[in-house]
PDB file of N, CA and C in Angstrom:
ATOM      1  N   UNK A   1     -28.283 -29.496  21.046  1.00  0.00           N
ATOM      2  CA  UNK A   1     -27.220 -30.114  20.508  1.00  0.00           C
ATOM      3  C   UNK A   1     -27.619 -31.139  19.386  1.00  0.00           C
ATOM      4  N   UNK A   2     -28.624 -30.881  18.820  1.00  0.00           N
ATOM      5  CA  UNK A   2     -29.064 -31.806  17.820  1.00  0.00           C
ATOM      6  C   UNK A   2     -27.918 -31.915  16.699  1.00  0.00           C
ATOM      7  N   UNK A   3     -27.268 -31.006  16.305  1.00  0.00           N
ATOM      8  CA  UNK A   3     -26.196 -31.141  15.130  1.00  0.00           C
ATOM      9  C   UNK A   3     -24.840 -31.380  15.694  1.00  0.00           C
ATOM     10  N   UNK A   4     -24.734 -31.419  17.008  1.00  0.00           N
ATOM     11  CA  UNK A   4     -23.276 -31.446  17.655  1.00  0.00           C
ATOM     12  C   UNK A   4     -22.804 -32.863  18.004  1.00  0.00           C
ATOM     13  N   UNK A   5     -23.527 -33.870  17.460  1.00  0.00           N
ATOM     14  CA  UNK A   5     -23.122 -35.303  18.079  1.00  0.00           C
ATOM     15  C   UNK A   5     -21.757 -35.648  17.585  1.00  0.00           C
ATOM     16  N   UNK A   6     -21.230 -35.185  16.444  1.00  0.00           N
ATOM     17  CA  UNK A   6     -19.946 -35.631  16.179  1.00  0.00           C
ATOM     18  C   UNK A   6     -18.824 -34.845  16.985  1.00  0.00           C
ATOM     19  N   UNK A   7     -19.032 -33.617  17.405  1.00  0.00           N
ATOM     20  CA  UNK A   7     -18.374 -32.824  18.212  1.00  0.00           C
ATOM     21  C   UNK A   7     -18.392 -33.593  19.589  1.00  0.00           C
ATOM     22  N   UNK A   8     -19.536 -33.843  20.092  1.00  0.00           N
ATOM     23  CA  UNK A   8     -19.570 -34.512  21.464  1.00  0.00           C
ATOM     24  C   UNK A   8     -18.981 -35.879  21.439  1.00  0.00           C
ATOM     25  N   UNK A   9     -18.975 -36.717  20.424  1.00  0.00           N
ATOM     26  CA  UNK A   9     -18.443 -37.958  20.327  1.00  0.00           C
ATOM     27  C   UNK A   9     -16.788 -37.859  20.334  1.00  0.00           C
ATOM     28  N   UNK A  10     -16.360 -36.814  19.701  1.00  0.00           N
ATOM     29  CA  UNK A  10     -14.908 -36.695  19.789  1.00  0.00           C
ATOM     30  C   UNK A  10     -14.316 -36.351  21.060  1.00  0.00           C
ATOM     31  N   UNK A  11     -15.232 -35.304  21.722  1.00  0.00           N
ATOM     32  CA  UNK A  11     -14.801 -34.826  23.157  1.00  0.00           C
ATOM     33  C   UNK A  11     -14.801 -36.102  24.042  1.00  0.00           C
ATOM     34  N   UNK A  12     -15.892 -36.884  24.061  1.00  0.00           N
ATOM     35  CA  UNK A  12     -16.114 -38.041  24.815  1.00  0.00           C
ATOM     36  C   UNK A  12     -14.901 -38.988  24.755  1.00  0.00           C
ATOM     37  N   UNK A  13     -14.623 -39.260  23.504  1.00  0.00           N
ATOM     38  CA  UNK A  13     -13.453 -40.206  23.149  1.00  0.00           C
ATOM     39  C   UNK A  13     -12.281 -39.715  23.675  1.00  0.00           C
ATOM     40  N   UNK A  14     -11.922 -38.451  23.491  1.00  0.00           N
ATOM     41  CA  UNK A  14     -10.824 -37.800  24.143  1.00  0.00           C
ATOM     42  C   UNK A  14     -10.606 -38.089  25.688  1.00  0.00           C
ATOM     43  N   UNK A  15     -11.729 -37.724  26.285  1.00  0.00           N
ATOM     44  CA  UNK A  15     -11.965 -37.881  27.796  1.00  0.00           C
ATOM     45  C   UNK A  15     -11.579 -39.422  28.250  1.00  0.00           C
ATOM     46  N   UNK A  16     -12.176 -40.247  27.439  1.00  0.00           N
ATOM     47  CA  UNK A  16     -11.925 -41.684  27.753  1.00  0.00           C
ATOM     48  C   UNK A  16     -10.575 -42.066  27.598  1.00  0.00           C
ATOM     49  N   UNK A  17      -9.932 -41.667  26.563  1.00  0.00           N
ATOM     50  CA  UNK A  17      -8.554 -42.054  26.286  1.00  0.00           C
ATOM     51  C   UNK A  17      -7.546 -41.352  27.296  1.00  0.00           C
ATOM     52  N   UNK A  18      -7.820 -40.074  27.472  1.00  0.00           N
ATOM     53  CA  UNK A  18      -6.842 -39.256  28.318  1.00  0.00           C
ATOM     54  C   UNK A  18      -7.049 -39.601  29.918  1.00  0.00           C
ATOM     55  N   UNK A  19      -8.294 -39.933  30.204  1.00  0.00           N
ATOM     56  CA  UNK A  19      -8.346 -40.326  31.729  1.00  0.00           C
ATOM     57  C   UNK A  19      -8.380 -41.738  32.120  1.00  0.00           C
ATOM     58  N   UNK A  20      -8.605 -42.645  31.070  1.00  0.00           N
ATOM     59  CA  UNK A  20      -8.734 -44.047  31.158  1.00  0.00           C
ATOM     60  C   UNK A  20      -9.980 -44.203  31.824  1.00  0.00           C
ATOM     61  N   UNK A  21     -11.056 -43.460  31.629  1.00  0.00           N
ATOM     62  CA  UNK A  21     -12.419 -43.473  32.045  1.00  0.00           C
ATOM     63  C   UNK A  21     -13.244 -44.459  31.186  1.00  0.00           C
ATOM     64  N   UNK A  22     -14.242 -45.035  31.830  1.00  0.00           N
ATOM     65  CA  UNK A  22     -15.183 -45.708  30.867  1.00  0.00           C
ATOM     66  C   UNK A  22     -15.994 -44.745  30.103  1.00  0.00           C
ATOM     67  N   UNK A  23     -16.497 -45.171  28.889  1.00  0.00           N
ATOM     68  CA  UNK A  23     -17.213 -44.425  28.022  1.00  0.00           C
ATOM     69  C   UNK A  23     -18.457 -43.971  28.830  1.00  0.00           C
ATOM     70  N   UNK A  24     -19.048 -44.717  29.506  1.00  0.00           N
ATOM     71  CA  UNK A  24     -20.369 -44.402  30.238  1.00  0.00           C
ATOM     72  C   UNK A  24     -19.978 -43.233  31.340  1.00  0.00           C
ATOM     73  N   UNK A  25     -18.967 -43.358  32.018  1.00  0.00           N
ATOM     74  CA  UNK A  25     -18.529 -42.425  33.004  1.00  0.00           C
ATOM     75  C   UNK A  25     -18.158 -40.970  32.335  1.00  0.00           C
ATOM     76  N   UNK A  26     -17.443 -41.183  31.299  1.00  0.00           N
ATOM     77  CA  UNK A  26     -17.050 -39.916  30.569  1.00  0.00           C
ATOM     78  C   UNK A  26     -18.337 -39.184  30.029  1.00  0.00           C
ATOM     79  N   UNK A  27     -19.242 -40.061  29.553  1.00  0.00           N
ATOM     80  CA  UNK A  27     -20.467 -39.526  28.993  1.00  0.00           C
ATOM     81  C   UNK A  27     -21.364 -38.706  29.959  1.00  0.00           C
ATOM     82  N   UNK A  28     -21.435 -39.455  31.191  1.00  0.00           N
ATOM     83  CA  UNK A  28     -22.189 -38.740  32.282  1.00  0.00           C
ATOM     84  C   UNK A  28     -21.604 -37.613  32.807  1.00  0.00           C
ATOM     85  N   UNK A  29     -20.340 -37.589  32.954  1.00  0.00           N
ATOM     86  CA  UNK A  29     -19.526 -36.444  33.519  1.00  0.00           C
ATOM     87  C   UNK A  29     -19.594 -35.190  32.680  1.00  0.00           C
ATOM     88  N   UNK A  30     -19.519 -35.437  31.225  1.00  0.00           N
ATOM     89  CA  UNK A  30     -19.698 -34.591  30.324  1.00  0.00           C
ATOM     90  C   UNK A  30     -21.039 -33.928  30.178  1.00  0.00           C
ATOM     91  N   UNK A  31     -22.116 -34.817  30.229  1.00  0.00           N
ATOM     92  CA  UNK A  31     -23.487 -34.257  30.000  1.00  0.00           C
ATOM     93  C   UNK A  31     -23.939 -33.492  31.251  1.00  0.00           C
ATOM     94  N   UNK A  32     -23.197 -33.751  32.376  1.00  0.00           N
ATOM     95  CA  UNK A  32     -23.634 -32.914  33.587  1.00  0.00           C
ATOM     96  C   UNK A  32     -22.573 -31.801  33.863  1.00  0.00           C
ATOM     97  N   UNK A  33     -22.006 -31.470  32.928  1.00  0.00           N
ATOM     98  CA  UNK A  33     -21.067 -30.334  32.908  1.00  0.00           C
ATOM     99  C   UNK A  33     -21.563 -29.032  32.600  1.00  0.00           C
ATOM    100  N   UNK A  34     -20.968 -27.750  32.949  1.00  0.00           N
ATOM    101  CA  UNK A  34     -21.318 -26.508  32.444  1.00  0.00           C
ATOM    102  C   UNK A  34     -20.991 -26.211  30.924  1.00  0.00           C
ATOM    103  N   UNK A  35     -19.873 -27.088  30.563  1.00  0.00           N
ATOM    104  CA  UNK A  35     -19.219 -26.966  29.217  1.00  0.00           C
ATOM    105  C   UNK A  35     -20.390 -27.534  28.288  1.00  0.00           C
ATOM    106  N   UNK A  36     -20.976 -28.673  28.584  1.00  0.00           N
ATOM    107  CA  UNK A  36     -21.997 -29.223  27.553  1.00  0.00           C
ATOM    108  C   UNK A  36     -23.208 -28.389  27.642  1.00  0.00           C
ATOM    109  N   UNK A  37     -23.546 -27.681  28.783  1.00  0.00           N
ATOM    110  CA  UNK A  37     -24.682 -26.754  28.571  1.00  0.00           C
ATOM    111  C   UNK A  37     -24.386 -25.461  27.834  1.00  0.00           C
ATOM    112  N   UNK A  38     -22.997 -25.115  27.862  1.00  0.00           N
ATOM    113  CA  UNK A  38     -22.503 -23.978  26.851  1.00  0.00           C
ATOM    114  C   UNK A  38     -22.715 -24.325  25.360  1.00  0.00           C
ATOM    115  N   UNK A  39     -22.264 -25.658  25.050  1.00  0.00           N
ATOM    116  CA  UNK A  39     -22.516 -26.242  23.738  1.00  0.00           C
ATOM    117  C   UNK A  39     -23.910 -26.152  23.275  1.00  0.00           C
ATOM    118  N   UNK A  40     -24.781 -26.463  24.208  1.00  0.00           N
ATOM    119  CA  UNK A  40     -26.114 -26.519  23.783  1.00  0.00           C
ATOM    120  C   UNK A  40     -26.678 -25.075  23.564  1.00  0.00           C
ATOM    121  N   UNK A  41     -25.999 -23.985  24.086  1.00  0.00           N
ATOM    122  CA  UNK A  41     -26.619 -22.653  24.049  1.00  0.00           C
ATOM    123  C   UNK A  41     -25.978 -22.036  22.722  1.00  0.00           C
ATOM    124  N   UNK A  42     -26.786 -21.946  21.841  1.00  0.00           N
ATOM    125  CA  UNK A  42     -26.135 -21.409  20.458  1.00  0.00           C
ATOM    126  C   UNK A  42     -25.756 -19.953  20.618  1.00  0.00           C
ATOM    127  N   UNK A  43     -26.119 -19.274  21.717  1.00  0.00           N
ATOM    128  CA  UNK A  43     -25.775 -17.961  21.984  1.00  0.00           C
ATOM    129  C   UNK A  43     -24.304 -17.820  22.317  1.00  0.00           C
ATOM    130  N   UNK A  44     -23.613 -18.813  22.817  1.00  0.00           N
ATOM    131  CA  UNK A  44     -22.385 -18.886  23.339  1.00  0.00           C
ATOM    132  C   UNK A  44     -21.311 -18.966  22.258  1.00  0.00           C
ATOM    133  N   UNK A  45     -21.776 -19.628  21.161  1.00  0.00           N
ATOM    134  CA  UNK A  45     -20.898 -19.910  20.055  1.00  0.00           C
ATOM    135  C   UNK A  45     -19.957 -21.092  20.317  1.00  0.00           C
ATOM    136  N   UNK A  46     -20.122 -21.756  21.499  1.00  0.00           N
ATOM    137  CA  UNK A  46     -19.267 -23.030  21.765  1.00  0.00           C
ATOM    138  C   UNK A  46     -19.184 -24.078  20.804  1.00  0.00           C
ATOM    139  N   UNK A  47     -20.307 -24.183  20.119  1.00  0.00           N
ATOM    140  CA  UNK A  47     -20.596 -25.263  19.294  1.00  0.00           C
ATOM    141  C   UNK A  47     -19.583 -25.106  18.013  1.00  0.00           C
ATOM    142  N   UNK A  48     -18.927 -24.068  17.851  1.00  0.00           N
ATOM    143  CA  UNK A  48     -17.931 -23.890  16.857  1.00  0.00           C
ATOM    144  C   UNK A  48     -16.589 -24.159  17.177  1.00  0.00           C
ATOM    145  N   UNK A  49     -16.422 -24.450  18.487  1.00  0.00           N
ATOM    146  CA  UNK A  49     -14.956 -24.755  19.122  1.00  0.00           C
ATOM    147  C   UNK A  49     -14.477 -26.178  18.607  1.00  0.00           C
ATOM    148  N   UNK A  50     -13.220 -26.219  18.585  1.00  0.00           N
ATOM    149  CA  UNK A  50     -12.704 -27.495  18.200  1.00  0.00           C
ATOM    150  C   UNK A  50     -12.866 -28.474  19.248  1.00  0.00           C
ATOM    151  N   UNK A  51     -12.726 -29.782  19.086  1.00  0.00           N
ATOM    152  CA  UNK A  51     -12.877 -30.974  20.185  1.00  0.00           C
ATOM    153  C   UNK A  51     -11.894 -30.617  21.380  1.00  0.00           C
ATOM    154  N   UNK A  52     -10.549 -30.121  20.722  1.00  0.00           N
ATOM    155  CA  UNK A  52      -9.534 -29.880  21.826  1.00  0.00           C
ATOM    156  C   UNK A  52      -9.804 -28.830  22.668  1.00  0.00           C
ATOM    157  N   UNK A  53     -10.354 -27.804  22.050  1.00  0.00           N
ATOM    158  CA  UNK A  53     -10.769 -26.592  23.023  1.00  0.00           C
ATOM    159  C   UNK A  53     -11.801 -27.034  23.899  1.00  0.00           C
ATOM    160  N   UNK A  54     -12.778 -27.866  23.601  1.00  0.00           N
ATOM    161  CA  UNK A  54     -13.908 -28.174  24.527  1.00  0.00           C
ATOM    162  C   UNK A  54     -13.178 -29.167  25.614  1.00  0.00           C
ATOM    163  N   UNK A  55     -12.340 -30.148  25.145  1.00  0.00           N
ATOM    164  CA  UNK A  55     -11.650 -30.983  26.153  1.00  0.00           C
ATOM    165  C   UNK A  55     -10.943 -30.034  27.287  1.00  0.00           C
ATOM    166  N   UNK A  56     -10.235 -28.992  26.762  1.00  0.00           N
ATOM    167  CA  UNK A  56      -9.626 -28.107  27.688  1.00  0.00           C
ATOM    168  C   UNK A  56     -10.376 -27.520  28.735  1.00  0.00           C
ATOM    169  N   UNK A  57     -11.516 -27.053  28.241  1.00  0.00           N
ATOM    170  CA  UNK A  57     -12.591 -26.477  29.025  1.00  0.00           C
ATOM    171  C   UNK A  57     -13.159 -27.393  30.061  1.00  0.00           C
ATOM    172  N   UNK A  58     -13.408 -28.683  29.587  1.00  0.00           N
ATOM    173  CA  UNK A  58     -13.767 -29.647  30.643  1.00  0.00           C
ATOM    174  C   UNK A  58     -12.778 -29.883  31.691  1.00  0.00           C
ATOM    175  N   UNK A  59     -11.572 -29.986  31.182  1.00  0.00           N
ATOM    176  CA  UNK A  59     -10.499 -30.182  32.317  1.00  0.00           C
ATOM    177  C   UNK A  59     -10.503 -29.004  33.190  1.00  0.00           C
ATOM    178  N   UNK A  60     -10.484 -27.910  32.750  1.00  0.00           N
ATOM    179  CA  UNK A  60     -10.755 -26.613  33.588  1.00  0.00           C
ATOM    180  C   UNK A  60     -11.771 -26.765  34.580  1.00  0.00           C
ATOM    181  N   UNK A  61     -13.086 -27.197  34.082  1.00  0.00           N
ATOM    182  CA  UNK A  61     -14.082 -27.282  34.965  1.00  0.00           C
ATOM    183  C   UNK A  61     -14.057 -28.395  35.948  1.00  0.00           C
ATOM    184  N   UNK A  62     -13.588 -29.581  35.429  1.00  0.00           N
ATOM    185  CA  UNK A  62     -13.393 -30.644  36.414  1.00  0.00           C
ATOM    186  C   UNK A  62     -12.386 -30.453  37.526  1.00  0.00           C
ATOM    187  N   UNK A  63     -11.366 -29.577  37.172  1.00  0.00           N
ATOM    188  CA  UNK A  63     -10.283 -29.228  38.088  1.00  0.00           C
ATOM    189  C   UNK A  63     -10.704 -28.124  38.935  1.00  0.00           C
ATOM    190  N   UNK A  64     -11.818 -27.552  38.812  1.00  0.00           N
ATOM    191  CA  UNK A  64     -12.412 -26.413  39.677  1.00  0.00           C
ATOM    192  C   UNK A  64     -11.754 -25.054  39.086  1.00  0.00           C
ATOM    193  N   UNK A  65     -11.213 -25.035  37.980  1.00  0.00           N
ATOM    194  CA  UNK A  65     -10.528 -23.723  37.576  1.00  0.00           C
ATOM    195  C   UNK A  65     -11.625 -22.753  37.123  1.00  0.00           C
ATOM    196  N   UNK A  66     -12.658 -23.343  36.412  1.00  0.00           N
ATOM    197  CA  UNK A  66     -13.782 -22.516  35.877  1.00  0.00           C
ATOM    198  C   UNK A  66     -15.039 -22.889  36.657  1.00  0.00           C
TER     199      UNK A  66
END
């Protein structure tokens, strides 16, 4: 995730605003997610997704949908 820091910041900011979470909580929740691991894996291509797509995938994972 070396070059994905701006994407991750936008995702974390969205999670904080939409859930009224602390930045630290959103960061921990995201970094422990399968979505974050998917972004780290260049084979998935997830690093090319928009922040909104990543946030949607996070919601799905956090809700137990994926």
